[in-house]
Protein backbone atom coordinates (compact mmCIF):
# COMPACT_ATOMS: atom_id res chain seq x y z
CA UNK A 1 1.58 14.97 -8.19
CA UNK A 2 1.97 15.66 -11.89
CA UNK A 3 0.01 14.13 -14.75
CA UNK A 4 2.81 11.67 -15.50
CA UNK A 5 3.59 7.99 -15.05
CA UNK A 6 7.25 7.04 -14.68
CA UNK A 7 8.21 3.66 -16.15
CA UNK A 8 11.57 2.20 -15.13
CA UNK A 9 12.93 -0.19 -17.73
CA UNK A 10 15.63 -2.75 -16.94
CA UNK A 11 16.86 -5.11 -19.64
CA UNK A 12 16.75 -8.09 -17.26
CA UNK A 13 13.19 -7.35 -16.06
CA UNK A 14 10.90 -8.04 -19.07
CA UNK A 15 11.05 -4.44 -20.42
CA UNK A 16 8.25 -4.78 -22.99
CA UNK A 17 5.75 -5.99 -20.40
CA UNK A 18 6.66 -3.15 -18.03
CA UNK A 19 6.37 -0.54 -20.80
CA UNK A 20 3.03 -1.95 -21.94
CA UNK A 21 1.60 -1.96 -18.42
CA UNK A 22 2.75 1.62 -17.87
CA UNK A 23 1.33 2.74 -21.21
CA UNK A 24 -2.03 1.17 -20.38
CA UNK A 25 -2.10 3.03 -17.08
CA UNK A 26 -1.06 6.28 -18.73
CA UNK A 27 -3.87 5.93 -21.26
CA UNK A 28 -6.45 5.10 -18.58
CA UNK A 29 -5.40 8.03 -16.41
CA UNK A 30 -4.87 10.39 -19.39
CA UNK A 31 -1.24 10.84 -18.35
CA UNK A 32 2.05 11.39 -20.10
CA UNK A 33 4.48 8.49 -19.96
CA UNK A 34 8.13 9.03 -19.06
CA UNK A 35 10.22 5.93 -19.80
CA UNK A 36 13.66 5.70 -18.25
CA UNK A 37 16.09 2.94 -19.04
CA UNK A 38 18.02 2.01 -15.91
CA UNK A 39 21.38 0.68 -17.10
CA UNK A 40 24.51 1.67 -15.12
CA UNK A 41 26.91 0.17 -17.69
CA UNK A 42 28.23 3.53 -18.88
CA UNK A 43 28.54 4.75 -15.31
CA UNK A 44 30.66 1.70 -14.56
CA UNK A 45 32.85 2.26 -17.60
CA UNK A 46 33.45 5.88 -16.69
CA UNK A 47 34.70 4.87 -13.26
CA UNK A 48 36.64 1.80 -14.38
CA UNK A 49 40.37 1.23 -14.63
CA UNK A 50 40.19 0.73 -18.38
CA UNK A 51 42.25 2.86 -20.77
CA UNK A 52 40.27 6.01 -21.41
CA UNK A 53 40.15 5.67 -25.22
CA UNK A 54 38.87 2.09 -25.06
CA UNK A 55 36.41 3.02 -22.34
CA UNK A 56 35.11 5.95 -24.40
CA UNK A 57 34.61 3.81 -27.49
CA UNK A 58 32.78 1.15 -25.55
CA UNK A 59 30.65 3.79 -23.85
CA UNK A 60 29.59 5.22 -27.20
CA UNK A 61 28.67 1.76 -28.48
CA UNK A 62 26.67 1.00 -25.34
CA UNK A 63 24.90 4.35 -25.47
CA UNK A 64 23.88 3.80 -29.08
CA UNK A 65 22.54 0.35 -28.20
CA UNK A 66 20.58 1.83 -25.27
CA UNK A 67 18.99 4.48 -27.47
CA UNK A 68 18.07 1.91 -30.13
CA UNK A 69 16.50 -0.38 -27.53
CA UNK A 70 14.52 2.47 -26.03
CA UNK A 71 13.20 3.41 -29.46
CA UNK A 72 12.25 -0.20 -30.12
CA UNK A 73 10.27 -0.24 -26.89
CA UNK A 74 8.53 3.03 -27.76
CA UNK A 75 7.64 1.67 -31.20
CA UNK A 76 5.77 -1.24 -29.58
CA UNK A 77 3.50 1.28 -27.82
CA UNK A 78 2.25 2.93 -31.00
CA UNK A 79 -1.35 1.77 -30.43
CA UNK A 80 -1.60 3.67 -27.13
CA UNK A 81 -2.81 7.26 -27.23
CA UNK A 82 -0.04 8.51 -24.94
CA UNK A 83 2.68 11.14 -25.18
CA UNK A 84 6.01 9.45 -24.45
CA UNK A 85 9.39 10.83 -23.41
CA UNK A 86 12.53 8.77 -22.83
CA UNK A 87 15.72 9.02 -20.83
CA UNK A 88 18.59 6.82 -19.64
CA UNK A 89 19.69 6.49 -16.01
CA UNK A 90 23.38 5.67 -15.91
CA UNK A 91 24.22 6.49 -12.30
CA UNK A 92 24.89 4.07 -9.47
CA UNK A 93 23.16 3.16 -7.27
CA UNK A 94 20.25 3.07 -9.68
CA UNK A 95 17.66 3.37 -6.91
CA UNK A 96 18.92 6.82 -5.94
CA UNK A 97 18.83 7.98 -9.55
CA UNK A 98 15.27 6.66 -9.92
CA UNK A 99 14.19 8.46 -6.76
CA UNK A 100 15.78 11.68 -8.05
CA UNK A 101 13.93 11.37 -11.36
CA UNK A 102 10.67 10.70 -9.52
CA UNK A 103 11.18 13.82 -7.40
CA UNK A 104 11.55 15.84 -10.60
CA UNK A 105 8.40 14.45 -12.19
CA UNK A 106 6.21 13.80 -9.12
CA UNK A 107 4.53 10.92 -10.98
CA UNK A 108 1.17 9.37 -10.31
CA UNK A 109 2.88 5.95 -10.28
CA UNK A 110 6.40 4.61 -10.64
CA UNK A 111 6.13 1.39 -12.66
CA UNK A 112 8.93 -1.15 -12.53
CA UNK A 113 9.46 -4.84 -13.20
CA UNK A 114 10.23 -7.21 -10.37
CA UNK A 115 11.10 -10.89 -10.01
CA UNK A 116 11.85 -13.45 -7.31
CA UNK A 117 14.74 -12.66 -4.96
CA UNK A 118 16.62 -15.39 -3.13
CA UNK A 119 16.70 -15.20 0.70
CA UNK A 120 20.45 -14.55 0.67
CA UNK A 121 20.14 -11.64 -1.72
CA UNK A 122 17.08 -10.29 0.04
CA UNK A 123 18.80 -10.29 3.42
CA UNK A 124 21.30 -7.60 2.43
CA UNK A 125 18.68 -5.44 0.69
CA UNK A 126 20.75 -4.91 -2.44
CA UNK A 127 17.89 -4.90 -4.87
CA UNK A 128 16.44 -1.67 -6.22
CA UNK A 129 12.94 -2.89 -5.37
CA UNK A 130 13.54 -2.81 -1.62
CA UNK A 131 15.39 0.51 -1.76
CA UNK A 132 12.58 2.11 -3.74
CA UNK A 133 9.98 0.85 -1.28
CA UNK A 134 11.95 2.55 1.49
CA UNK A 135 12.86 5.78 -0.25
CA UNK A 136 10.25 6.54 -2.88
CA UNK A 137 7.62 9.14 -2.05
CA UNK A 138 5.21 7.94 -4.74
CA UNK A 139 3.15 4.78 -5.27
CA UNK A 140 5.36 1.99 -6.61
CA UNK A 141 3.77 -0.38 -9.11
CA UNK A 142 5.81 -3.60 -9.36
CA UNK A 143 5.06 -5.56 -12.52
CA UNK A 144 5.26 -9.34 -12.76
CA UNK A 145 4.74 -11.34 -15.93
CA UNK A 146 1.02 -11.96 -15.76
CA UNK A 147 -1.65 -11.62 -18.44
CA UNK A 148 -4.36 -9.26 -17.23
CA UNK A 149 -8.05 -9.95 -17.62
CA UNK A 150 -10.33 -7.43 -19.30
CA UNK A 151 -11.83 -6.71 -15.88
CA UNK A 152 -8.89 -7.13 -13.49
CA UNK A 153 -9.24 -8.47 -9.97
CA UNK A 154 -7.77 -6.00 -7.47
CA UNK A 155 -7.00 -7.27 -3.96
CA UNK A 156 -6.24 -4.74 -1.22
CA UNK A 157 -4.49 -6.02 1.91
CA UNK A 158 -5.26 -3.87 4.94
CA UNK A 159 -4.58 -4.14 8.65
CA UNK A 160 -7.02 -1.78 10.39
CA UNK A 161 -5.35 -2.25 13.81
CA UNK A 162 -1.67 -2.30 12.85
CA UNK A 163 0.43 -1.09 15.83
CA UNK A 164 2.49 1.18 13.54
CA UNK A 165 -0.65 2.68 12.02
CA UNK A 166 -2.65 3.58 15.10
CA UNK A 167 -4.50 6.42 13.36
CA UNK A 168 -5.36 4.18 10.43
CA UNK A 169 -3.83 6.54 7.88
CA UNK A 170 -2.02 3.84 5.94
CA UNK A 171 -5.02 1.50 5.91
CA UNK A 172 -7.21 4.34 4.65
CA UNK A 173 -4.65 5.25 1.98
CA UNK A 174 -4.69 1.63 0.76
CA UNK A 175 -8.49 1.57 0.65
CA UNK A 176 -8.72 4.87 -1.22
CA UNK A 177 -6.04 3.84 -3.72
CA UNK A 178 -7.68 0.45 -4.24
CA UNK A 179 -11.08 1.95 -4.88
CA UNK A 180 -9.65 4.50 -7.32
CA UNK A 181 -7.52 1.97 -9.24
CA UNK A 182 -10.20 -0.73 -9.46
CA UNK A 183 -12.67 1.91 -10.65
CA UNK A 184 -10.29 3.17 -13.30
CA UNK A 185 -9.60 -0.40 -14.47
CA UNK A 186 -13.32 -1.28 -14.29
CA UNK A 187 -12.23 -4.25 -12.23
CA UNK A 188 -13.40 -6.20 -9.21
CA UNK A 189 -12.21 -4.99 -5.81
CA UNK A 190 -11.65 -7.21 -2.77
CA UNK A 191 -10.44 -6.09 0.66
CA UNK A 192 -8.70 -8.71 2.77
CA UNK A 193 -7.65 -8.58 6.41
CA UNK A 194 -5.88 -11.44 8.17
CA UNK A 195 -5.66 -11.81 11.94
CA UNK A 196 -3.34 -14.07 13.92
CA UNK A 197 -4.54 -17.28 15.49
CA UNK A 198 -3.58 -17.92 19.11
CA UNK A 199 -3.18 -21.72 19.20
CA UNK A 200 0.61 -21.55 19.53
CA UNK A 201 0.36 -18.93 22.26
CA UNK A 202 -2.25 -21.06 23.97
CA UNK A 203 0.07 -24.09 24.05
CA UNK A 204 2.90 -22.02 25.48
CA UNK A 205 0.61 -20.38 28.02
CA UNK A 206 -0.64 -23.71 29.33
CA UNK A 207 2.94 -24.81 29.95
CA UNK A 208 4.02 -21.59 31.60
CA UNK A 209 1.01 -20.72 33.69
CA UNK A 210 -0.37 -24.00 35.04
CA UNK A 211 -2.72 -24.32 36.80
CA UNK A 212 -4.00 -20.92 35.56
CA UNK A 213 -6.15 -21.09 32.45
CA UNK A 214 -5.66 -18.34 29.88
CA UNK A 215 -9.00 -17.50 28.18
CA UNK A 216 -7.67 -17.97 24.66
CA UNK A 217 -11.03 -18.60 23.02
CA UNK A 218 -12.36 -15.38 24.46
CA UNK A 219 -9.26 -13.44 23.39
CA UNK A 220 -9.44 -14.94 19.90
CA UNK A 221 -13.09 -13.90 19.54
CA UNK A 222 -12.29 -10.38 20.72
CA UNK A 223 -9.48 -10.17 18.17
CA UNK A 224 -11.83 -11.29 15.41
CA UNK A 225 -14.56 -8.88 16.48
CA UNK A 226 -12.19 -5.91 16.67
CA UNK A 227 -10.83 -6.58 13.18
CA UNK A 228 -14.37 -7.05 11.90
CA UNK A 229 -15.57 -3.78 13.41
CA UNK A 230 -12.65 -1.75 12.08
CA UNK A 231 -12.80 -3.34 8.62
CA UNK A 232 -16.55 -2.75 8.29
CA UNK A 233 -16.22 0.83 9.48
CA UNK A 234 -13.40 1.59 7.06
CA UNK A 235 -15.25 0.05 4.14
CA UNK A 236 -18.47 1.87 4.97
CA UNK A 237 -16.65 5.19 5.12
CA UNK A 238 -15.37 4.57 1.58
CA UNK A 239 -18.69 3.19 0.26
CA UNK A 240 -17.22 -0.22 -0.48
CA UNK A 241 -19.63 -3.12 -0.92
CA UNK A 242 -19.63 -5.38 2.18
CA UNK A 243 -19.53 -8.36 -0.18
CA UNK A 244 -15.99 -7.28 -1.15
CA UNK A 245 -14.68 -7.75 2.41
CA UNK A 246 -12.76 -10.86 3.49
CA UNK A 247 -11.67 -11.41 7.10
CA UNK A 248 -9.54 -14.54 7.35
CA UNK A 249 -7.74 -16.23 10.28
CA UNK A 250 -4.01 -16.71 9.90
CA UNK A 251 -0.79 -14.85 9.16
CA UNK A 252 -0.83 -12.36 6.30
CA UNK A 253 2.37 -13.84 4.85
CA UNK A 254 0.59 -17.20 4.51
CA UNK A 255 -2.92 -16.06 3.68
CA UNK A 256 -2.38 -13.32 1.10
CA UNK A 257 -0.44 -15.26 -1.60
CA UNK A 258 -2.93 -18.15 -1.37
CA UNK A 259 -5.91 -15.80 -1.50
CA UNK A 260 -4.45 -13.94 -4.50
CA UNK A 261 -4.03 -17.22 -6.39
CA UNK A 262 -7.50 -18.46 -5.47
CA UNK A 263 -9.08 -15.22 -6.71
CA UNK A 264 -6.81 -15.08 -9.79
CA UNK A 265 -5.76 -11.57 -8.75
CA UNK A 266 -4.20 -9.22 -11.28
CA UNK A 267 -3.05 -6.67 -8.71
CA UNK A 268 -2.44 -6.70 -4.96
CA UNK A 269 -2.26 -3.37 -3.18
CA UNK A 270 -0.44 -3.18 0.14
CA UNK A 271 1.39 -0.62 2.26
CA UNK A 272 4.81 0.17 3.69
CA UNK A 273 4.86 1.71 7.15
CA UNK A 274 7.09 4.23 8.89
CA UNK A 275 8.17 3.02 12.32
CA UNK A 276 9.33 4.73 15.50
CA UNK A 277 9.42 8.17 13.95
CA UNK A 278 11.98 7.19 11.33
CA UNK A 279 11.97 9.31 8.21
CA UNK A 280 12.37 6.30 5.92
CA UNK A 281 9.83 3.56 5.56
CA UNK A 282 10.56 0.01 6.61
CA UNK A 283 9.29 -3.21 5.14
CA UNK A 284 9.46 -6.23 7.39
CA UNK A 285 9.94 -9.94 6.83
CA UNK A 286 6.20 -10.51 6.31
CA UNK A 287 6.02 -8.05 3.45
CA UNK A 288 9.24 -9.36 1.91
CA UNK A 289 7.81 -12.88 1.87
CA UNK A 290 4.51 -11.68 0.44
CA UNK A 291 6.12 -9.60 -2.32
CA UNK A 292 8.19 -12.55 -3.48
CA UNK A 293 5.34 -15.06 -3.46
CA UNK A 294 2.49 -13.08 -4.98
CA UNK A 295 1.73 -14.24 -8.53
CA UNK A 296 0.65 -10.85 -9.84
CA UNK A 297 1.44 -7.14 -9.91
CA UNK A 298 1.90 -5.34 -6.60
CA UNK A 299 1.18 -1.70 -5.83
CA UNK A 300 2.94 -0.39 -2.71
CA UNK A 301 1.51 2.75 -1.14
CA UNK A 302 2.22 4.69 2.03
CA UNK A 303 0.45 7.24 4.18
CA UNK A 304 2.80 10.12 3.33
């Protein structure tokens, strides 16, 4: 990776907040900051049915407005000791153009604004956020409007026994990233693992297997103990304070947003997994729900 942070600016995604967050990270990591404005308006005009002269004139006006807005954003970052370059992404789909730019720069982070997506829109995966999670080879920092504390609270969500992460590479990548980021921010780190409860399975099992009794309490305790053992081992290997560990019963999609709010988290770090040997990463319904309902920034990492 290069010594650069890539900030993706979209007019409809609080551009000043995204640029400020990226500039803060660039200053902390002693990185250059590359700001790209993602606005496919000109790309649309070039491929439209409009009369070429009118289309050209409009394109020039739009381009001038883009350049002026970019400069205005850069001017707001004058207090940061960071070298800044700017560019405009005009291609469609924007996610592919962002990925291409990231491959050129090999950034430490790709920083981008995000907001709530409705279930209908999320179902067809049309948003750049989801495409970048699948395609991007670099950590993706999704910014939400949230005022950071001087010492940010960083929550890392790990699953040490995830069936698609049998070797624990993704969980370890999350832990390492979380420790590095919280250290750089001089913040407070918390590691959280959630494990499923078996009450619903128990009810179904009693109906299906009478008069046999399924030892659900024993299975539940074994599940807890296995998560506890793996979480403790992973934390010890990374020299993380045991007081920072939280093992909670329940589904991650339910537990994590509540936990983040209770702890007043500034950043949640989680992973995207590759499944069944596929080259692209997948993000399931649990992660989609969590991303939409977290009140703070999200950093998505992967195991490579």
